[in-house]
Protein backbone atom coordinates (compact mmCIF):
# COMPACT_ATOMS: atom_id res chain seq x y z
CA UNK A 1 3.03 -55.06 1.60
CA UNK A 2 5.50 -54.18 4.36
CA UNK A 3 7.52 -56.87 6.09
CA UNK A 4 7.23 -56.88 9.87
CA UNK A 5 10.48 -56.93 11.81
CA UNK A 6 9.90 -58.18 15.36
CA UNK A 7 12.34 -57.33 18.11
CA UNK A 8 11.64 -59.52 21.15
CA UNK A 9 13.49 -58.03 24.09
CA UNK A 10 13.69 -59.25 27.68
CA UNK A 11 14.26 -55.83 29.21
CA UNK A 12 11.90 -52.89 29.72
CA UNK A 13 12.17 -50.50 26.82
CA UNK A 14 11.36 -47.34 28.75
CA UNK A 15 14.37 -47.57 31.09
CA UNK A 16 16.89 -46.19 28.65
CA UNK A 17 20.34 -47.72 28.76
CA UNK A 18 22.74 -49.38 26.35
CA UNK A 19 20.59 -52.19 24.98
CA UNK A 20 17.40 -50.15 24.98
CA UNK A 21 19.02 -47.31 23.04
CA UNK A 22 20.52 -49.71 20.54
CA UNK A 23 17.19 -51.43 19.91
CA UNK A 24 15.47 -48.11 19.27
CA UNK A 25 18.25 -46.87 16.98
CA UNK A 26 18.16 -50.06 14.90
CA UNK A 27 14.37 -49.85 14.59
CA UNK A 28 14.52 -46.15 13.63
CA UNK A 29 17.11 -46.86 10.93
CA UNK A 30 14.81 -49.20 8.97
CA UNK A 31 13.25 -48.11 5.69
CA UNK A 32 9.66 -47.51 6.84
CA UNK A 33 8.38 -47.80 3.27
CA UNK A 34 9.50 -51.45 3.21
CA UNK A 35 9.47 -52.53 6.86
CA UNK A 36 7.27 -52.15 9.94
CA UNK A 37 9.25 -52.53 13.17
CA UNK A 38 7.49 -54.03 16.18
CA UNK A 39 9.22 -54.15 19.57
CA UNK A 40 7.86 -56.59 22.17
CA UNK A 41 8.94 -55.63 25.70
CA UNK A 42 8.07 -57.15 29.11
CA UNK A 43 6.42 -54.03 30.51
CA UNK A 44 6.50 -50.26 30.39
CA UNK A 45 6.80 -48.20 33.56
CA UNK A 46 5.78 -45.10 31.64
CA UNK A 47 4.60 -44.32 28.14
CA UNK A 48 7.36 -43.47 25.70
CA UNK A 49 7.04 -41.59 22.45
CA UNK A 50 9.00 -43.28 19.69
CA UNK A 51 6.91 -42.20 16.76
CA UNK A 52 4.05 -43.72 14.87
CA UNK A 53 6.23 -45.86 12.58
CA UNK A 54 7.39 -48.16 15.39
CA UNK A 55 4.86 -50.26 17.30
CA UNK A 56 5.58 -51.25 20.90
CA UNK A 57 3.67 -54.11 22.52
CA UNK A 58 3.88 -55.40 26.08
CA UNK A 59 3.89 -59.03 27.15
CA UNK A 60 3.91 -60.92 30.44
CA UNK A 61 7.57 -61.16 31.42
CA UNK A 62 7.16 -64.78 32.47
CA UNK A 63 7.89 -65.80 28.87
CA UNK A 64 10.95 -67.85 29.87
CA UNK A 65 8.66 -70.75 30.80
CA UNK A 66 7.71 -71.07 27.13
CA UNK A 67 11.17 -72.45 26.31
CA UNK A 68 11.18 -75.19 28.97
């Protein structure tokens, strides 16, 4: 059984910049036979193709209220 690695990010993943590129590179470097990377991002302006090994999910970006 693969272990799920969850990356919870507070920036849109499809607007490529420093942090977005780093998150994708870290996820792509995992051993896909042992791990299943999942990236949770606030929203996507456009669909991005990052391969079938990495799952991208969207969430409501008002998540900061959870921690209050």
